[in-house]
PDB file of N, CA and C in Angstrom:
ATOM      1  N   MET A   1      12.344  13.810   6.495  1.00  0.00           N
ATOM      2  CA  MET A   1      11.750  13.158   5.056  1.00  0.00           C
ATOM      3  C   MET A   1      10.776  12.343   5.525  1.00  0.00           C
ATOM      4  N   SER A   2       9.800  12.332   4.468  1.00  0.00           N
ATOM      5  CA  SER A   2       8.281  11.991   5.581  1.00  0.00           C
ATOM      6  C   SER A   2       8.478  10.217   4.220  1.00  0.00           C
ATOM      7  N   LYS A   3       7.515   9.339   4.860  1.00  0.00           N
ATOM      8  CA  LYS A   3       8.263   7.613   4.072  1.00  0.00           C
ATOM      9  C   LYS A   3       6.513   7.483   3.519  1.00  0.00           C
ATOM     10  N   ALA A   4       6.618   6.633   2.853  1.00  0.00           N
ATOM     11  CA  ALA A   4       5.372   6.727   2.332  1.00  0.00           C
ATOM     12  C   ALA A   4       5.607   5.018   1.802  1.00  0.00           C
ATOM     13  N   VAL A   5       4.223   4.263   2.599  1.00  0.00           N
ATOM     14  CA  VAL A   5       4.423   3.025   2.050  1.00  0.00           C
ATOM     15  C   VAL A   5       3.322   2.632   1.516  1.00  0.00           C
ATOM     16  N   PHE A   6       3.768   1.707  -0.107  1.00  0.00           N
ATOM     17  CA  PHE A   6       2.024   1.248  -0.848  1.00  0.00           C
ATOM     18  C   PHE A   6       1.608  -0.036  -0.619  1.00  0.00           C
ATOM     19  N   TYR A   7       0.816  -0.303  -0.275  1.00  0.00           N
ATOM     20  CA  TYR A   7       0.471  -1.977   0.310  1.00  0.00           C
ATOM     21  C   TYR A   7       0.108  -2.238  -0.351  1.00  0.00           C
ATOM     22  N   HIS A   8      -0.365  -3.516  -1.559  1.00  0.00           N
ATOM     23  CA  HIS A   8      -0.695  -4.391  -2.527  1.00  0.00           C
ATOM     24  C   HIS A   8      -0.949  -6.174  -2.419  1.00  0.00           C
ATOM     25  N   ALA A   9      -1.413  -6.141  -3.434  1.00  0.00           N
ATOM     26  CA  ALA A   9      -1.417  -7.898  -3.516  1.00  0.00           C
ATOM     27  C   ALA A   9      -0.931  -8.594  -4.584  1.00  0.00           C
ATOM     28  N   GLY A  10      -0.679  -7.363  -5.475  1.00  0.00           N
ATOM     29  CA  GLY A  10      -0.550  -7.793  -6.743  1.00  0.00           C
ATOM     30  C   GLY A  10      -0.860  -8.023  -7.685  1.00  0.00           C
ATOM     31  N   CYS A  11      -2.375  -8.065  -7.635  1.00  0.00           N
ATOM     32  CA  CYS A  11      -3.446  -7.887  -8.694  1.00  0.00           C
ATOM     33  C   CYS A  11      -3.359  -6.375  -9.798  1.00  0.00           C
ATOM     34  N   PRO A  12      -4.007  -6.561 -10.992  1.00  0.00           N
ATOM     35  CA  PRO A  12      -4.124  -5.081 -11.497  1.00  0.00           C
ATOM     36  C   PRO A  12      -4.073  -3.701 -11.163  1.00  0.00           C
ATOM     37  N   ILE A  13      -5.518  -4.092 -10.754  1.00  0.00           N
ATOM     38  CA  ILE A  13      -5.890  -2.021  -9.960  1.00  0.00           C
ATOM     39  C   ILE A  13      -3.914  -2.162  -9.395  1.00  0.00           C
ATOM     40  N   CYS A  14      -4.091  -3.026  -8.146  1.00  0.00           N
ATOM     41  CA  CYS A  14      -2.583  -2.565  -7.533  1.00  0.00           C
ATOM     42  C   CYS A  14      -1.706  -2.511  -7.815  1.00  0.00           C
ATOM     43  N   VAL A  15      -1.475  -3.193  -8.902  1.00  0.00           N
ATOM     44  CA  VAL A  15      -0.268  -2.277 -10.364  1.00  0.00           C
ATOM     45  C   VAL A  15       0.249  -1.363 -10.694  1.00  0.00           C
ATOM     46  N   ASP A  16      -1.203  -1.180 -11.604  1.00  0.00           N
ATOM     47  CA  ASP A  16      -1.323   0.470 -12.173  1.00  0.00           C
ATOM     48  C   ASP A  16      -1.805   1.364 -11.405  1.00  0.00           C
ATOM     49  N   ALA A  17      -2.035   0.644  -9.473  1.00  0.00           N
ATOM     50  CA  ALA A  17      -2.193   2.151  -8.856  1.00  0.00           C
ATOM     51  C   ALA A  17      -0.851   2.634  -8.559  1.00  0.00           C
ATOM     52  N   GLU A  18       0.565   0.955  -8.258  1.00  0.00           N
ATOM     53  CA  GLU A  18       1.580   1.632  -8.109  1.00  0.00           C
ATOM     54  C   GLU A  18       2.140   2.491  -8.349  1.00  0.00           C
ATOM     55  N   GLN A  19       2.465   2.120  -9.692  1.00  0.00           N
ATOM     56  CA  GLN A  19       2.656   2.442 -11.234  1.00  0.00           C
ATOM     57  C   GLN A  19       2.328   4.266 -11.287  1.00  0.00           C
ATOM     58  N   MET A  20       1.528   4.474 -11.083  1.00  0.00           N
ATOM     59  CA  MET A  20       0.709   6.098 -11.272  1.00  0.00           C
ATOM     60  C   MET A  20       1.145   6.175 -10.336  1.00  0.00           C
ATOM     61  N   ILE A  21       0.604   6.136  -8.898  1.00  0.00           N
ATOM     62  CA  ILE A  21       1.129   7.231  -7.600  1.00  0.00           C
ATOM     63  C   ILE A  21       2.734   6.743  -7.125  1.00  0.00           C
ATOM     64  N   LEU A  22       3.164   6.185  -7.281  1.00  0.00           N
ATOM     65  CA  LEU A  22       4.483   6.368  -6.837  1.00  0.00           C
ATOM     66  C   LEU A  22       5.279   6.930  -7.978  1.00  0.00           C
ATOM     67  N   ASP A  23       5.092   7.643  -9.259  1.00  0.00           N
ATOM     68  CA  ASP A  23       5.648   8.188  -9.916  1.00  0.00           C
ATOM     69  C   ASP A  23       5.638   9.706  -9.532  1.00  0.00           C
ATOM     70  N   TYR A  24       4.320  10.307  -8.749  1.00  0.00           N
ATOM     71  CA  TYR A  24       3.739  11.420  -8.555  1.00  0.00           C
ATOM     72  C   TYR A  24       4.923  11.787  -7.205  1.00  0.00           C
ATOM     73  N   LEU A  25       4.988  11.068  -6.046  1.00  0.00           N
ATOM     74  CA  LEU A  25       5.541  11.047  -4.969  1.00  0.00           C
ATOM     75  C   LEU A  25       7.315  12.605  -5.401  1.00  0.00           C
ATOM     76  N   ASP A  26       7.031  13.350  -5.061  1.00  0.00           N
ATOM     77  CA  ASP A  26       8.508  13.735  -4.892  1.00  0.00           C
ATOM     78  C   ASP A  26       9.257  13.232  -3.717  1.00  0.00           C
ATOM     79  N   LYS A  27      10.351  12.742  -4.595  1.00  0.00           N
ATOM     80  CA  LYS A  27      11.432  11.602  -4.101  1.00  0.00           C
ATOM     81  C   LYS A  27      12.362  12.326  -3.347  1.00  0.00           C
ATOM     82  N   SER A  28      12.139  13.546  -3.737  1.00  0.00           N
ATOM     83  CA  SER A  28      13.429  14.701  -2.257  1.00  0.00           C
ATOM     84  C   SER A  28      12.106  14.754  -1.122  1.00  0.00           C
ATOM     85  N   LYS A  29      11.723  14.402  -1.162  1.00  0.00           N
ATOM     86  CA  LYS A  29      10.917  15.145   0.436  1.00  0.00           C
ATOM     87  C   LYS A  29      10.464  12.973   0.600  1.00  0.00           C
ATOM     88  N   THR A  30      10.046  11.979   0.099  1.00  0.00           N
ATOM     89  CA  THR A  30       9.298  11.286   0.334  1.00  0.00           C
ATOM     90  C   THR A  30      10.111   9.713   0.093  1.00  0.00           C
ATOM     91  N   THR A  31      10.322   9.027   1.308  1.00  0.00           N
ATOM     92  CA  THR A  31      10.765   7.410   0.649  1.00  0.00           C
ATOM     93  C   THR A  31       9.916   6.636   0.861  1.00  0.00           C
ATOM     94  N   THR A  32      10.157   6.062  -0.237  1.00  0.00           N
ATOM     95  CA  THR A  32       8.956   5.021  -0.766  1.00  0.00           C
ATOM     96  C   THR A  32       9.270   3.303  -0.418  1.00  0.00           C
ATOM     97  N   GLU A  33       8.653   2.578  -0.279  1.00  0.00           N
ATOM     98  CA  GLU A  33       8.641   1.031   0.610  1.00  0.00           C
ATOM     99  C   GLU A  33       7.347   0.572  -0.486  1.00  0.00           C
ATOM    100  N   VAL A  34       7.350  -0.523  -1.059  1.00  0.00           N
ATOM    101  CA  VAL A  34       5.952  -0.892  -1.884  1.00  0.00           C
ATOM    102  C   VAL A  34       6.387  -2.265  -0.795  1.00  0.00           C
ATOM    103  N   VAL A  35       4.791  -3.237  -0.682  1.00  0.00           N
ATOM    104  CA  VAL A  35       4.874  -3.805   0.448  1.00  0.00           C
ATOM    105  C   VAL A  35       3.679  -5.081  -0.760  1.00  0.00           C
ATOM    106  N   HIS A  36       4.417  -5.903  -0.417  1.00  0.00           N
ATOM    107  CA  HIS A  36       3.474  -6.796  -1.672  1.00  0.00           C
ATOM    108  C   HIS A  36       3.136  -7.983  -0.735  1.00  0.00           C
ATOM    109  N   LEU A  37       1.717  -7.669  -0.067  1.00  0.00           N
ATOM    110  CA  LEU A  37       1.214  -8.296   1.043  1.00  0.00           C
ATOM    111  C   LEU A  37       0.745  -9.992   0.323  1.00  0.00           C
ATOM    112  N   GLY A  38       0.772 -10.530  -0.707  1.00  0.00           N
ATOM    113  CA  GLY A  38       0.374 -11.745  -1.076  1.00  0.00           C
ATOM    114  C   GLY A  38       1.369 -12.425  -1.102  1.00  0.00           C
ATOM    115  N   THR A  39       2.766 -11.832  -1.030  1.00  0.00           N
ATOM    116  CA  THR A  39       3.763 -13.040  -1.055  1.00  0.00           C
ATOM    117  C   THR A  39       4.388 -12.282   0.179  1.00  0.00           C
ATOM    118  N   ASP A  40       4.564 -11.461   1.139  1.00  0.00           N
ATOM    119  CA  ASP A  40       5.133 -10.758   2.181  1.00  0.00           C
ATOM    120  C   ASP A  40       3.808 -11.062   3.492  1.00  0.00           C
ATOM    121  N   GLN A  41       3.469 -11.902   3.292  1.00  0.00           N
ATOM    122  CA  GLN A  41       1.869 -12.277   4.435  1.00  0.00           C
ATOM    123  C   GLN A  41       2.316 -11.707   5.800  1.00  0.00           C
ATOM    124  N   ASN A  42       3.664 -11.512   5.455  1.00  0.00           N
ATOM    125  CA  ASN A  42       4.216 -11.020   7.796  1.00  0.00           C
ATOM    126  C   ASN A  42       4.110  -9.489   8.000  1.00  0.00           C
ATOM    127  N   ARG A  43       3.567  -8.915   6.989  1.00  0.00           N
ATOM    128  CA  ARG A  43       3.582  -8.018   6.513  1.00  0.00           C
ATOM    129  C   ARG A  43       1.540  -7.521   7.043  1.00  0.00           C
ATOM    130  N   ILE A  44       1.362  -8.381   6.833  1.00  0.00           N
ATOM    131  CA  ILE A  44      -0.340  -8.193   6.795  1.00  0.00           C
ATOM    132  C   ILE A  44      -0.871  -7.796   8.296  1.00  0.00           C
ATOM    133  N   GLU A  45      -0.231  -7.891   9.403  1.00  0.00           N
ATOM    134  CA  GLU A  45      -0.626  -7.091  10.543  1.00  0.00           C
ATOM    135  C   GLU A  45      -0.040  -5.652  10.761  1.00  0.00           C
ATOM    136  N   GLU A  46       0.792  -5.191  10.384  1.00  0.00           N
ATOM    137  CA  GLU A  46       1.245  -4.136  10.123  1.00  0.00           C
ATOM    138  C   GLU A  46       0.403  -3.361   9.736  1.00  0.00           C
ATOM    139  N   ALA A  47       0.028  -3.263   8.388  1.00  0.00           N
ATOM    140  CA  ALA A  47      -1.021  -3.107   7.764  1.00  0.00           C
ATOM    141  C   ALA A  47      -1.858  -2.871   8.952  1.00  0.00           C
ATOM    142  N   GLU A  48      -2.157  -3.931   8.829  1.00  0.00           N
ATOM    143  CA  GLU A  48      -3.992  -3.504   9.360  1.00  0.00           C
ATOM    144  C   GLU A  48      -3.570  -2.615  10.822  1.00  0.00           C
ATOM    145  N   LYS A  49      -2.167  -2.865  11.109  1.00  0.00           N
ATOM    146  CA  LYS A  49      -2.187  -1.639  12.535  1.00  0.00           C
ATOM    147  C   LYS A  49      -2.239  -0.032  12.364  1.00  0.00           C
ATOM    148  N   VAL A  50      -1.768   0.167  11.164  1.00  0.00           N
ATOM    149  CA  VAL A  50      -1.854   1.388  10.624  1.00  0.00           C
ATOM    150  C   VAL A  50      -3.066   1.520  10.404  1.00  0.00           C
ATOM    151  N   GLY A  51      -3.985   0.956   9.977  1.00  0.00           N
ATOM    152  CA  GLY A  51      -5.540   1.425   9.475  1.00  0.00           C
ATOM    153  C   GLY A  51      -5.423   0.704   8.104  1.00  0.00           C
ATOM    154  N   VAL A  52      -5.264  -0.044   7.432  1.00  0.00           N
ATOM    155  CA  VAL A  52      -4.814  -0.261   6.156  1.00  0.00           C
ATOM    156  C   VAL A  52      -6.149  -1.575   5.737  1.00  0.00           C
ATOM    157  N   LYS A  53      -7.692  -1.231   5.264  1.00  0.00           N
ATOM    158  CA  LYS A  53      -8.245  -1.797   5.089  1.00  0.00           C
ATOM    159  C   LYS A  53      -8.516  -2.380   4.434  1.00  0.00           C
ATOM    160  N   SER A  54      -7.972  -1.811   3.211  1.00  0.00           N
ATOM    161  CA  SER A  54      -7.651  -2.575   1.575  1.00  0.00           C
ATOM    162  C   SER A  54      -6.655  -2.778   0.961  1.00  0.00           C
ATOM    163  N   VAL A  55      -6.443  -3.561   0.150  1.00  0.00           N
ATOM    164  CA  VAL A  55      -5.456  -3.340  -0.911  1.00  0.00           C
ATOM    165  C   VAL A  55      -5.987  -2.762  -2.330  1.00  0.00           C
ATOM    166  N   PRO A  56      -5.442  -1.455  -2.791  1.00  0.00           N
ATOM    167  CA  PRO A  56      -4.079  -0.484  -2.814  1.00  0.00           C
ATOM    168  C   PRO A  56      -4.535  -0.002  -1.671  1.00  0.00           C
ATOM    169  N   ALA A  57      -2.901   0.789  -1.120  1.00  0.00           N
ATOM    170  CA  ALA A  57      -3.174   1.799   0.124  1.00  0.00           C
ATOM    171  C   ALA A  57      -2.117   2.221  -0.036  1.00  0.00           C
ATOM    172  N   LEU A  58      -2.289   3.754   0.178  1.00  0.00           N
ATOM    173  CA  LEU A  58      -0.788   3.720   0.155  1.00  0.00           C
ATOM    174  C   LEU A  58      -0.193   4.656   2.244  1.00  0.00           C
ATOM    175  N   VAL A  59      -0.027   4.647   2.763  1.00  0.00           N
ATOM    176  CA  VAL A  59       0.289   5.149   3.561  1.00  0.00           C
ATOM    177  C   VAL A  59       1.410   6.146   4.431  1.00  0.00           C
ATOM    178  N   ILE A  60       1.234   7.766   4.134  1.00  0.00           N
ATOM    179  CA  ILE A  60       2.307   8.566   4.416  1.00  0.00           C
ATOM    180  C   ILE A  60       2.393   8.642   5.684  1.00  0.00           C
ATOM    181  N   GLY A  61       3.184   8.663   6.645  1.00  0.00           N
ATOM    182  CA  GLY A  61       3.101   9.021   8.018  1.00  0.00           C
ATOM    183  C   GLY A  61       1.997   8.584   8.730  1.00  0.00           C
ATOM    184  N   GLU A  62       1.089   9.561   9.098  1.00  0.00           N
ATOM    185  CA  GLU A  62      -0.492   8.800  10.111  1.00  0.00           C
ATOM    186  C   GLU A  62      -1.532   8.865   8.846  1.00  0.00           C
ATOM    187  N   ASN A  63      -1.168   9.024   8.029  1.00  0.00           N
ATOM    188  CA  ASN A  63      -2.759   9.200   6.483  1.00  0.00           C
ATOM    189  C   ASN A  63      -2.973   7.825   5.774  1.00  0.00           C
ATOM    190  N   VAL A  64      -4.034   7.563   6.130  1.00  0.00           N
ATOM    191  CA  VAL A  64      -3.844   5.915   5.120  1.00  0.00           C
ATOM    192  C   VAL A  64      -4.526   6.752   3.627  1.00  0.00           C
ATOM    193  N   TYR A  65      -4.481   6.435   2.728  1.00  0.00           N
ATOM    194  CA  TYR A  65      -4.808   6.447   1.463  1.00  0.00           C
ATOM    195  C   TYR A  65      -5.480   5.474   0.607  1.00  0.00           C
ATOM    196  N   HIS A  66      -6.734   4.538   0.498  1.00  0.00           N
ATOM    197  CA  HIS A  66      -7.748   3.997   0.050  1.00  0.00           C
ATOM    198  C   HIS A  66      -7.821   4.022  -1.214  1.00  0.00           C
ATOM    199  N   ILE A  67      -6.679   3.619  -2.435  1.00  0.00           N
ATOM    200  CA  ILE A  67      -7.045   3.878  -3.944  1.00  0.00           C
ATOM    201  C   ILE A  67      -7.915   2.908  -4.668  1.00  0.00           C
ATOM    202  N   ASN A  68      -8.641   3.035  -4.618  1.00  0.00           N
ATOM    203  CA  ASN A  68      -9.763   2.159  -5.402  1.00  0.00           C
ATOM    204  C   ASN A  68     -10.206   0.846  -4.426  1.00  0.00           C
ATOM    205  N   TYR A  69     -10.281  -0.340  -5.381  1.00  0.00           N
ATOM    206  CA  TYR A  69     -10.482  -1.626  -4.137  1.00  0.00           C
ATOM    207  C   TYR A  69     -10.066  -2.552  -5.025  1.00  0.00           C
ATOM    208  N   GLY A  70      -9.222  -3.143  -4.204  1.00  0.00           N
ATOM    209  CA  GLY A  70      -8.658  -4.490  -5.357  1.00  0.00           C
ATOM    210  C   GLY A  70      -8.681  -5.697  -4.703  1.00  0.00           C
ATOM    211  N   ALA A  71      -9.293  -5.580  -2.934  1.00  0.00           N
ATOM    212  CA  ALA A  71      -9.163  -6.703  -2.523  1.00  0.00           C
ATOM    213  C   ALA A  71      -8.655  -6.137  -1.027  1.00  0.00           C
ATOM    214  N   SER A  72      -9.847  -6.776   0.113  1.00  0.00           N
ATOM    215  CA  SER A  72      -9.541  -6.334   1.713  1.00  0.00           C
ATOM    216  C   SER A  72      -8.730  -7.328   1.686  1.00  0.00           C
ATOM    217  N   LEU A  73      -8.567  -6.412   2.604  1.00  0.00           N
ATOM    218  CA  LEU A  73      -7.153  -7.238   4.128  1.00  0.00           C
ATOM    219  C   LEU A  73      -7.458  -8.819   3.987  1.00  0.00           C
ATOM    220  N   ASP A  74      -8.839  -9.217   4.813  1.00  0.00           N
ATOM    221  CA  ASP A  74      -9.200 -10.065   5.361  1.00  0.00           C
ATOM    222  C   ASP A  74      -9.603 -11.446   3.204  1.00  0.00           C
ATOM    223  N   ASP A  75      -9.445 -10.685   2.321  1.00  0.00           N
ATOM    224  CA  ASP A  75      -9.012 -11.111   1.702  1.00  0.00           C
ATOM    225  C   ASP A  75      -7.736 -11.712   0.873  1.00  0.00           C
ATOM    226  N   VAL A  76      -7.024 -11.182   1.518  1.00  0.00           N
ATOM    227  CA  VAL A  76      -5.401 -10.715   0.983  1.00  0.00           C
ATOM    228  C   VAL A  76      -5.065 -12.428   1.885  1.00  0.00           C
ATOM    229  N   LYS A  77      -5.342 -12.372   3.419  1.00  0.00           N
ATOM    230  CA  LYS A  77      -5.052 -13.288   3.976  1.00  0.00           C
ATOM    231  C   LYS A  77      -5.699 -14.912   3.393  1.00  0.00           C
ATOM    232  N   GLY A  78      -6.694 -14.814   3.274  1.00  0.00           N
ATOM    233  CA  GLY A  78      -7.030 -15.965   2.741  1.00  0.00           C
ATOM    234  C   GLY A  78      -6.697 -16.586   3.091  1.00  0.00           C
TER     235      GLY A  78
END
């Protein structure tokens, strides 16, 4: 089973993307985790290491999918 991690910062673009994208993933094949970097800032370094440049972003395996553009990780670090 693959793992998908959805990183976001809580902005309206991120919330919309989370609701739409995660509903389409096949839950019998993929486990999902949602990481709100605005409230869980200790996970920003992890996001950077896997290749996330901006949020919202979906990471499946080693693939990073940047969805629309809500904020750069530098903006999230604030």
